[in-house]
C-alpha atoms as a PDB file:
ATOM      1  CA  MET A   1      -9.590  32.647  84.092  1.00  0.00           C
ATOM      2  CA  ARG A   2     -11.863  33.290  81.210  1.00  0.00           C
ATOM      3  CA  LEU A   3     -10.551  33.929  77.662  1.00  0.00           C
ATOM      4  CA  ARG A   4     -12.224  36.026  75.145  1.00  0.00           C
ATOM      5  CA  PHE A   5     -11.610  35.947  71.372  1.00  0.00           C
ATOM      6  CA  SER A   6     -12.271  38.784  68.853  1.00  0.00           C
ATOM      7  CA  TYR A   7     -13.369  37.795  65.405  1.00  0.00           C
ATOM      8  CA  LEU A   8     -13.556  41.494  64.305  1.00  0.00           C
ATOM      9  CA  PRO A   9      -9.968  41.808  62.757  1.00  0.00           C
ATOM     10  CA  LEU A  10     -10.363  38.657  60.833  1.00  0.00           C
ATOM     11  CA  LEU A  11     -13.735  39.577  59.589  1.00  0.00           C
ATOM     12  CA  LEU A  12     -12.462  43.023  58.450  1.00  0.00           C
ATOM     13  CA  PHE A  13      -9.472  41.287  56.732  1.00  0.00           C
ATOM     14  CA  THR A  14     -11.732  39.027  54.824  1.00  0.00           C
ATOM     15  CA  LEU A  15     -14.043  41.711  53.658  1.00  0.00           C
ATOM     16  CA  ALA A  16     -11.103  43.878  52.533  1.00  0.00           C
ATOM     17  CA  HIS A  17      -9.509  40.700  50.664  1.00  0.00           C
ATOM     18  CA  HIS A  18     -12.653  40.227  48.808  1.00  0.00           C
ATOM     19  CA  VAL A  19     -12.911  43.825  47.917  1.00  0.00           C
ATOM     20  CA  SER A  20      -9.434  43.490  46.722  1.00  0.00           C
ATOM     21  CA  LEU A  21     -10.058  40.600  44.517  1.00  0.00           C
ATOM     22  CA  ALA A  22     -13.168  42.285  42.958  1.00  0.00           C
ATOM     23  CA  GLN A  23     -11.012  44.978  41.846  1.00  0.00           C
ATOM     24  CA  THR A  24      -8.328  42.740  40.302  1.00  0.00           C
ATOM     25  CA  PRO A  25      -8.112  43.055  36.447  1.00  0.00           C
ATOM     26  CA  LEU A  26      -8.634  40.303  34.188  1.00  0.00           C
ATOM     27  CA  TRP A  27      -5.856  37.808  33.604  1.00  0.00           C
ATOM     28  CA  HIS A  28      -4.348  38.502  30.189  1.00  0.00           C
ATOM     29  CA  ASN A  29      -7.470  40.748  29.668  1.00  0.00           C
ATOM     30  CA  LYS A  30      -9.466  37.575  29.165  1.00  0.00           C
ATOM     31  CA  GLU A  31     -12.746  36.790  31.132  1.00  0.00           C
ATOM     32  CA  ARG A  32     -12.647  33.578  32.637  1.00  0.00           C
ATOM     33  CA  GLU A  33     -15.635  31.155  32.828  1.00  0.00           C
ATOM     34  CA  VAL A  34     -16.485  27.745  34.616  1.00  0.00           C
ATOM     35  CA  HIS A  35     -15.998  25.107  32.214  1.00  0.00           C
ATOM     36  CA  TYR A  36     -17.832  22.146  34.087  1.00  0.00           C
ATOM     37  CA  LYS A  37     -20.590  23.047  36.370  1.00  0.00           C
ATOM     38  CA  PRO A  38     -21.710  21.100  39.428  1.00  0.00           C
ATOM     39  CA  ASP A  39     -24.879  18.933  38.936  1.00  0.00           C
ATOM     40  CA  GLY A  40     -25.825  16.783  41.799  1.00  0.00           C
ATOM     41  CA  GLU A  41     -22.774  14.610  42.472  1.00  0.00           C
ATOM     42  CA  ASP A  42     -21.362  15.028  38.760  1.00  0.00           C
ATOM     43  CA  PHE A  43     -19.588  17.843  37.099  1.00  0.00           C
ATOM     44  CA  LEU A  44     -21.473  18.750  33.807  1.00  0.00           C
ATOM     45  CA  LEU A  45     -20.615  20.137  30.444  1.00  0.00           C
ATOM     46  CA  VAL A  46     -22.848  20.254  27.171  1.00  0.00           C
ATOM     47  CA  ASN A  47     -21.191  20.391  23.816  1.00  0.00           C
ATOM     48  CA  GLY A  48     -17.742  20.932  25.051  1.00  0.00           C
ATOM     49  CA  LYS A  49     -14.831  21.239  22.384  1.00  0.00           C
ATOM     50  CA  ARG A  50     -11.870  19.963  24.003  1.00  0.00           C
ATOM     51  CA  LYS A  51     -10.142  16.512  23.862  1.00  0.00           C
ATOM     52  CA  PHE A  52      -7.940  14.724  26.338  1.00  0.00           C
ATOM     53  CA  ASN A  53      -8.468  17.301  29.185  1.00  0.00           C
ATOM     54  CA  ARG A  54      -9.693  14.926  31.834  1.00  0.00           C
ATOM     55  CA  ALA A  55      -7.344  12.026  33.018  1.00  0.00           C
ATOM     56  CA  LEU A  56      -8.748   8.788  34.502  1.00  0.00           C
ATOM     57  CA  TYR A  57      -6.456   6.942  36.870  1.00  0.00           C
ATOM     58  CA  GLY A  58      -6.884   3.427  38.243  1.00  0.00           C
ATOM     59  CA  GLY A  59      -4.196   1.864  40.463  1.00  0.00           C
ATOM     60  CA  ASN A  60      -1.094   3.300  42.054  1.00  0.00           C
ATOM     61  CA  THR A  61       0.853   3.679  38.711  1.00  0.00           C
ATOM     62  CA  ALA A  62       1.670   6.406  36.230  1.00  0.00           C
ATOM     63  CA  PHE A  63      -0.803   4.860  33.623  1.00  0.00           C
ATOM     64  CA  ARG A  64      -3.826   7.035  32.702  1.00  0.00           C
ATOM     65  CA  VAL A  65      -6.801   7.139  30.418  1.00  0.00           C
ATOM     66  CA  GLU A  66      -6.917  10.356  28.507  1.00  0.00           C
ATOM     67  CA  ALA A  67     -10.688  11.460  28.274  1.00  0.00           C
ATOM     68  CA  GLY A  68     -12.144  14.886  27.928  1.00  0.00           C
ATOM     69  CA  ASP A  69     -15.302  16.830  26.706  1.00  0.00           C
ATOM     70  CA  LEU A  70     -15.590  14.693  23.558  1.00  0.00           C
ATOM     71  CA  PRO A  71     -15.765  10.747  23.500  1.00  0.00           C
ATOM     72  CA  GLU A  72     -12.357  10.245  22.101  1.00  0.00           C
ATOM     73  CA  PHE A  73      -9.807   8.483  24.135  1.00  0.00           C
ATOM     74  CA  ALA A  74      -6.080   7.792  24.570  1.00  0.00           C
ATOM     75  CA  LEU A  75      -3.760   5.604  26.665  1.00  0.00           C
ATOM     76  CA  TYR A  76      -0.641   6.853  28.275  1.00  0.00           C
ATOM     77  CA  LEU A  77       1.545   3.979  29.429  1.00  0.00           C
ATOM     78  CA  PRO A  78       3.489   6.490  30.338  1.00  0.00           C
ATOM     79  CA  GLY A  79       4.283   6.722  26.532  1.00  0.00           C
ATOM     80  CA  MET A  80       1.688   6.774  23.840  1.00  0.00           C
ATOM     81  CA  GLY A  81      -0.481   3.885  24.021  1.00  0.00           C
ATOM     82  CA  GLY A  82      -2.908   4.504  21.125  1.00  0.00           C
ATOM     83  CA  ASN A  83      -5.985   6.368  20.412  1.00  0.00           C
ATOM     84  CA  LEU A  84      -9.623   5.085  20.428  1.00  0.00           C
ATOM     85  CA  LYS A  85     -12.652   6.812  18.791  1.00  0.00           C
ATOM     86  CA  PHE A  86     -16.004   5.937  17.496  1.00  0.00           C
ATOM     87  CA  GLY A  87     -18.456   6.598  14.784  1.00  0.00           C
ATOM     88  CA  VAL A  88     -21.716   5.659  13.289  1.00  0.00           C
ATOM     89  CA  ILE A  89     -22.746   4.543   9.879  1.00  0.00           C
ATOM     90  CA  ASN A  90     -26.290   4.887   8.672  1.00  0.00           C
ATOM     91  CA  LYS A  91     -26.700   3.732   4.977  1.00  0.00           C
ATOM     92  CA  LYS A  92     -24.515   6.240   2.856  1.00  0.00           C
ATOM     93  CA  GLN A  93     -23.965   8.654   5.618  1.00  0.00           C
ATOM     94  CA  SER A  94     -21.673   8.491   8.519  1.00  0.00           C
ATOM     95  CA  LYS A  95     -19.900  10.780  11.127  1.00  0.00           C
ATOM     96  CA  TRP A  96     -17.347  10.376  14.083  1.00  0.00           C
ATOM     97  CA  LEU A  97     -19.297  10.534  17.493  1.00  0.00           C
ATOM     98  CA  ILE A  98     -17.185  13.628  18.500  1.00  0.00           C
ATOM     99  CA  ASP A  99     -19.343  15.380  15.768  1.00  0.00           C
ATOM    100  CA  ALA A 100     -22.724  14.408  17.249  1.00  0.00           C
ATOM    101  CA  ASP A 101     -25.426  17.111  17.371  1.00  0.00           C
ATOM    102  CA  THR A 102     -25.638  17.052  21.313  1.00  0.00           C
ATOM    103  CA  ILE A 103     -22.937  15.657  23.663  1.00  0.00           C
ATOM    104  CA  GLU A 104     -23.481  15.852  27.210  1.00  0.00           C
ATOM    105  CA  THR A 105     -20.311  15.070  29.283  1.00  0.00           C
ATOM    106  CA  ARG A 106     -20.298  14.197  32.918  1.00  0.00           C
ATOM    107  CA  TYR A 107     -17.297  13.729  35.218  1.00  0.00           C
ATOM    108  CA  ARG A 108     -18.213  11.242  37.888  1.00  0.00           C
ATOM    109  CA  PRO A 109     -15.442  10.684  40.283  1.00  0.00           C
ATOM    110  CA  GLY A 110     -13.404   7.951  38.717  1.00  0.00           C
ATOM    111  CA  SER A 111     -15.259   7.886  35.450  1.00  0.00           C
ATOM    112  CA  MET A 112     -16.707   9.831  32.440  1.00  0.00           C
ATOM    113  CA  VAL A 113     -20.246   9.488  31.297  1.00  0.00           C
ATOM    114  CA  TYR A 114     -21.453  10.753  27.912  1.00  0.00           C
ATOM    115  CA  HIS A 115     -24.892  11.065  26.564  1.00  0.00           C
ATOM    116  CA  LEU A 116     -25.054  11.603  22.718  1.00  0.00           C
ATOM    117  CA  ALA A 117     -27.943  12.263  20.477  1.00  0.00           C
ATOM    118  CA  ASP A 118     -27.898  13.017  16.665  1.00  0.00           C
ATOM    119  CA  LYS A 119     -30.235  12.769  13.815  1.00  0.00           C
ATOM    120  CA  LEU A 120     -27.961  10.303  12.099  1.00  0.00           C
ATOM    121  CA  ILE A 121     -28.188   7.954  15.071  1.00  0.00           C
ATOM    122  CA  GLY A 122     -31.956   8.228  15.248  1.00  0.00           C
ATOM    123  CA  GLY A 123     -32.058   7.663  19.152  1.00  0.00           C
ATOM    124  CA  ASN A 124     -29.204   8.305  21.702  1.00  0.00           C
ATOM    125  CA  ILE A 125     -25.991   6.537  23.059  1.00  0.00           C
ATOM    126  CA  LYS A 126     -24.648   6.481  26.679  1.00  0.00           C
ATOM    127  CA  ILE A 127     -20.994   5.841  27.112  1.00  0.00           C
ATOM    128  CA  THR A 128     -19.442   5.023  30.502  1.00  0.00           C
ATOM    129  CA  VAL A 129     -15.697   5.061  30.840  1.00  0.00           C
ATOM    130  CA  LEU A 130     -13.458   3.802  33.582  1.00  0.00           C
ATOM    131  CA  SER A 131      -9.630   3.192  34.062  1.00  0.00           C
ATOM    132  CA  LEU A 132      -8.992  -0.352  35.550  1.00  0.00           C
ATOM    133  CA  TYR A 133      -7.555  -0.680  38.812  1.00  0.00           C
ATOM    134  CA  GLN A 134      -5.982  -4.168  39.052  1.00  0.00           C
ATOM    135  CA  ALA A 135      -4.544  -3.880  35.496  1.00  0.00           C
ATOM    136  CA  GLU A 136      -3.362  -0.899  33.376  1.00  0.00           C
ATOM    137  CA  GLY A 137      -6.326  -0.577  31.088  1.00  0.00           C
ATOM    138  CA  LEU A 138      -9.707   0.952  29.955  1.00  0.00           C
ATOM    139  CA  ILE A 139     -12.970  -0.507  30.312  1.00  0.00           C
ATOM    140  CA  MET A 140     -16.086   0.793  28.429  1.00  0.00           C
ATOM    141  CA  LYS A 141     -19.725   0.332  28.431  1.00  0.00           C
ATOM    142  CA  MET A 142     -21.888   1.640  25.591  1.00  0.00           C
ATOM    143  CA  GLU A 143     -25.758   1.554  25.611  1.00  0.00           C
ATOM    144  CA  GLY A 144     -27.923   2.356  22.688  1.00  0.00           C
ATOM    145  CA  HIS A 145     -31.624   3.589  23.005  1.00  0.00           C
ATOM    146  CA  ASN A 146     -34.134   3.671  20.318  1.00  0.00           C
ATOM    147  CA  ILE A 147     -31.452   2.979  17.525  1.00  0.00           C
ATOM    148  CA  PRO A 148     -32.613   1.651  14.190  1.00  0.00           C
ATOM    149  CA  ASP A 149     -31.286  -1.877  13.308  1.00  0.00           C
ATOM    150  CA  ASP A 150     -29.419  -0.498  10.096  1.00  0.00           C
ATOM    151  CA  VAL A 151     -27.192   1.943  12.156  1.00  0.00           C
ATOM    152  CA  ARG A 152     -23.673   0.455  12.793  1.00  0.00           C
ATOM    153  CA  LEU A 153     -21.188   1.356  15.399  1.00  0.00           C
ATOM    154  CA  ILE A 154     -17.539   1.776  14.314  1.00  0.00           C
ATOM    155  CA  ALA A 155     -14.509   1.494  16.651  1.00  0.00           C
ATOM    156  CA  ALA A 156     -11.135   2.868  15.646  1.00  0.00           C
ATOM    157  CA  TYR A 157      -8.077   1.964  17.545  1.00  0.00           C
ATOM    158  CA  GLY A 158      -4.335   2.422  16.795  1.00  0.00           C
ATOM    159  CA  GLY A 159      -1.162   4.181  17.111  1.00  0.00           C
ATOM    160  CA  PRO A 160       0.680   2.878  20.067  1.00  0.00           C
ATOM    161  CA  THR A 161       4.363   3.916  20.011  1.00  0.00           C
ATOM    162  CA  GLY A 162       5.487   3.868  23.665  1.00  0.00           C
ATOM    163  CA  LEU A 163       7.233   7.228  22.940  1.00  0.00           C
ATOM    164  CA  LYS A 164       6.837  10.039  25.602  1.00  0.00           C
ATOM    165  CA  PHE A 165       5.946  13.591  24.828  1.00  0.00           C
ATOM    166  CA  SER A 166       8.099  16.627  25.914  1.00  0.00           C
ATOM    167  CA  ARG A 167       5.942  17.269  28.999  1.00  0.00           C
ATOM    168  CA  ASP A 168       4.177  13.851  29.333  1.00  0.00           C
ATOM    169  CA  GLY A 169       1.083  15.219  27.797  1.00  0.00           C
ATOM    170  CA  ASP A 170       0.433  17.959  30.162  1.00  0.00           C
ATOM    171  CA  ILE A 171      -2.477  20.093  29.430  1.00  0.00           C
ATOM    172  CA  GLY A 172      -1.370  23.345  27.702  1.00  0.00           C
ATOM    173  CA  ALA A 173       2.275  22.231  27.344  1.00  0.00           C
ATOM    174  CA  ASP A 174       2.157  19.513  24.802  1.00  0.00           C
ATOM    175  CA  PRO A 175      -0.415  20.085  21.807  1.00  0.00           C
ATOM    176  CA  GLU A 176      -3.716  18.053  21.923  1.00  0.00           C
ATOM    177  CA  SER A 177      -2.789  16.448  18.647  1.00  0.00           C
ATOM    178  CA  SER A 178      -0.267  14.619  20.416  1.00  0.00           C
ATOM    179  CA  PHE A 179      -2.850  11.904  21.248  1.00  0.00           C
ATOM    180  CA  TYR A 180      -4.365  11.777  17.915  1.00  0.00           C
ATOM    181  CA  LEU A 181      -4.667   8.700  15.804  1.00  0.00           C
ATOM    182  CA  LYS A 182      -1.828   9.763  13.302  1.00  0.00           C
ATOM    183  CA  PRO A 183      -0.638   7.293  10.436  1.00  0.00           C
ATOM    184  CA  GLU A 184       2.862   7.692  11.526  1.00  0.00           C
ATOM    185  CA  TYR A 185       2.191   6.320  14.897  1.00  0.00           C
ATOM    186  CA  CYS A 186       0.862   3.100  13.233  1.00  0.00           C
ATOM    187  CA  ALA A 187       3.931   2.338  11.029  1.00  0.00           C
ATOM    188  CA  ASP A 188       5.544   0.386  13.661  1.00  0.00           C
ATOM    189  CA  ASN A 189       2.341  -1.799  14.773  1.00  0.00           C
ATOM    190  CA  ALA A 190       1.823  -5.388  14.128  1.00  0.00           C
ATOM    191  CA  TYR A 191      -1.646  -6.889  14.999  1.00  0.00           C
ATOM    192  CA  THR A 192      -2.878 -10.382  15.755  1.00  0.00           C
ATOM    193  CA  ILE A 193      -6.662 -10.808  15.517  1.00  0.00           C
ATOM    194  CA  SER A 194      -8.558 -13.766  16.853  1.00  0.00           C
ATOM    195  CA  LYS A 195     -12.483 -13.446  16.602  1.00  0.00           C
ATOM    196  CA  ASN A 196     -13.398 -10.461  18.805  1.00  0.00           C
ATOM    197  CA  ARG A 197     -10.031 -10.140  20.411  1.00  0.00           C
ATOM    198  CA  PHE A 198      -6.854  -8.459  19.266  1.00  0.00           C
ATOM    199  CA  SER A 199      -3.126  -7.899  20.104  1.00  0.00           C
ATOM    200  CA  VAL A 200      -0.834  -5.220  18.840  1.00  0.00           C
ATOM    201  CA  PHE A 201       2.906  -5.344  19.105  1.00  0.00           C
ATOM    202  CA  PHE A 202       4.994  -2.329  18.955  1.00  0.00           C
ATOM    203  CA  GLY A 203       8.597  -1.212  19.740  1.00  0.00           C
ATOM    204  CA  SER A 204      10.473  -3.233  16.977  1.00  0.00           C
ATOM    205  CA  LYS A 205      13.145  -0.512  16.828  1.00  0.00           C
ATOM    206  CA  GLY A 206      14.586  -2.270  19.981  1.00  0.00           C
ATOM    207  CA  PRO A 207      15.175  -0.288  23.281  1.00  0.00           C
ATOM    208  CA  LEU A 208      14.866   3.414  22.909  1.00  0.00           C
ATOM    209  CA  THR A 209      17.382   5.876  24.433  1.00  0.00           C
ATOM    210  CA  GLU A 210      15.928   8.513  26.854  1.00  0.00           C
ATOM    211  CA  GLU A 211      16.457  11.113  24.115  1.00  0.00           C
ATOM    212  CA  GLU A 212      14.347   9.031  21.555  1.00  0.00           C
ATOM    213  CA  ARG A 213      11.701   8.410  24.175  1.00  0.00           C
ATOM    214  CA  TYR A 214      10.982  12.095  24.673  1.00  0.00           C
ATOM    215  CA  GLU A 215      11.451  13.130  20.955  1.00  0.00           C
ATOM    216  CA  ILE A 216       8.040  12.745  19.150  1.00  0.00           C
ATOM    217  CA  GLN A 217       9.701  13.983  15.929  1.00  0.00           C
ATOM    218  CA  ASN A 218      11.522  10.779  15.748  1.00  0.00           C
ATOM    219  CA  ILE A 219       8.336   8.728  15.121  1.00  0.00           C
ATOM    220  CA  PRO A 220       8.300   8.807  11.292  1.00  0.00           C
ATOM    221  CA  ASN A 221      11.954   7.374  11.329  1.00  0.00           C
ATOM    222  CA  VAL A 222      11.123   4.197  13.185  1.00  0.00           C
ATOM    223  CA  ARG A 223      12.006   1.205  11.349  1.00  0.00           C
ATOM    224  CA  LYS A 224      11.530  -2.592  12.004  1.00  0.00           C
ATOM    225  CA  ASP A 225      14.603  -4.313  13.315  1.00  0.00           C
ATOM    226  CA  SER A 226      14.564  -7.969  12.514  1.00  0.00           C
ATOM    227  CA  SER A 227      16.996  -8.607  15.412  1.00  0.00           C
ATOM    228  CA  VAL A 228      14.334  -7.576  18.010  1.00  0.00           C
ATOM    229  CA  ALA A 229      12.767 -10.916  19.323  1.00  0.00           C
ATOM    230  CA  LYS A 230       8.936 -10.772  19.560  1.00  0.00           C
ATOM    231  CA  HIS A 231       9.097 -11.456  23.393  1.00  0.00           C
ATOM    232  CA  ASP A 232      11.082  -8.165  23.692  1.00  0.00           C
ATOM    233  CA  LEU A 233       8.332  -6.262  22.088  1.00  0.00           C
ATOM    234  CA  LYS A 234       5.661  -4.300  24.055  1.00  0.00           C
ATOM    235  CA  PHE A 235       1.846  -5.293  23.282  1.00  0.00           C
ATOM    236  CA  ILE A 236      -1.549  -4.122  24.066  1.00  0.00           C
ATOM    237  CA  TYR A 237      -4.667  -6.386  23.697  1.00  0.00           C
ATOM    238  CA  GLY A 238      -8.186  -5.706  23.471  1.00  0.00           C
ATOM    239  CA  ILE A 239     -11.625  -7.519  23.730  1.00  0.00           C
ATOM    240  CA  PHE A 240     -14.757  -6.226  22.009  1.00  0.00           C
ATOM    241  CA  PRO A 241     -18.388  -7.760  22.288  1.00  0.00           C
ATOM    242  CA  ALA A 242     -18.689 -11.389  20.756  1.00  0.00           C
ATOM    243  CA  SER A 243     -20.764  -9.975  17.741  1.00  0.00           C
ATOM    244  CA  ALA A 244     -18.061  -7.469  16.640  1.00  0.00           C
ATOM    245  CA  GLN A 245     -16.371  -7.936  13.472  1.00  0.00           C
ATOM    246  CA  LEU A 246     -12.600  -6.994  13.558  1.00  0.00           C
ATOM    247  CA  LYS A 247     -10.545  -5.963  10.520  1.00  0.00           C
ATOM    248  CA  LEU A 248      -7.334  -3.978   9.810  1.00  0.00           C
ATOM    249  CA  SER A 249      -7.898  -0.664   8.090  1.00  0.00           C
ATOM    250  CA  ASP A 250      -5.695   2.299   6.878  1.00  0.00           C
ATOM    251  CA  ALA A 251      -4.873   5.149   9.340  1.00  0.00           C
ATOM    252  CA  ASN A 252      -4.614   7.288   6.410  1.00  0.00           C
ATOM    253  CA  GLN A 253      -8.324   7.063   5.431  1.00  0.00           C
ATOM    254  CA  GLN A 254      -9.996   8.718   8.401  1.00  0.00           C
ATOM    255  CA  GLN A 255     -12.095  11.281   6.600  1.00  0.00           C
ATOM    256  CA  THR A 256     -15.353   9.477   7.584  1.00  0.00           C
ATOM    257  CA  PRO A 257     -16.022   6.306   9.449  1.00  0.00           C
ATOM    258  CA  THR A 258     -17.303   4.837   6.191  1.00  0.00           C
ATOM    259  CA  THR A 259     -13.950   5.465   4.298  1.00  0.00           C
ATOM    260  CA  TYR A 260     -12.081   4.239   7.295  1.00  0.00           C
ATOM    261  CA  PHE A 261     -14.072   1.055   7.538  1.00  0.00           C
ATOM    262  CA  ASN A 262     -13.901   0.397   3.735  1.00  0.00           C
ATOM    263  CA  SER A 263     -10.134   0.933   3.648  1.00  0.00           C
ATOM    264  CA  ARG A 264      -7.595  -1.857   3.418  1.00  0.00           C
ATOM    265  CA  GLN A 265      -4.517  -2.645   5.408  1.00  0.00           C
ATOM    266  CA  SER A 266      -1.723  -0.417   4.605  1.00  0.00           C
ATOM    267  CA  SER A 267       1.867   0.467   5.872  1.00  0.00           C
ATOM    268  CA  SER A 268      -0.125   2.189   8.795  1.00  0.00           C
ATOM    269  CA  PRO A 269      -2.508  -0.331  10.190  1.00  0.00           C
END
């Protein structure tokens, strides 16, 4: 017995479906556009404006690195694990890298790659970011090309609290500012620095209730509890290149990389 299949009804349905889609009005009367466009094996965006809209995962845990259009990053433990951003200083001028003249952003499966150019930098900078697999962490490679010797790179990190946001940082649910480097996030932090390495301890208020973990408004009310032993605190550690100079600065002084670098330790380190 011979069987015959007719594809005509399916074809007509497909055509009718496409015609129906073409006549669909705009969603909320807003024309949509592609944010990242395919470019070889990457997804490419030039001079984007958003932060923390591209999560990078490593192993099989809920930990993630919050990356995005701009080269500013945050750790989510789950719970806020701090913010990391970069700036450059050229003599009396400085700027944060998220304000560079040109930022080419590439999402390459499992990683983010940034190419930055700016008249203050002189040359260009390439940043490659990945989330670790065997540990919960962030690893980063930075390469400079044709950059004058008197240009300095500044890294600013701080603000781990361990507190969760109302929707765990979901895009469009929690505000982008949830992942910013805020002075009130830093009030509970205690640092130990050894050459090019640091550790930051947080959670000195003691075990948090479920309500406290999910209430970001409680952060300014965190107070150190001397009864909490150091081994009960949570901590994060980081390693910079051997030539790096580490110091504590004031999270209230982030107007420019220069003011931040020249500031002194305060109640928000």
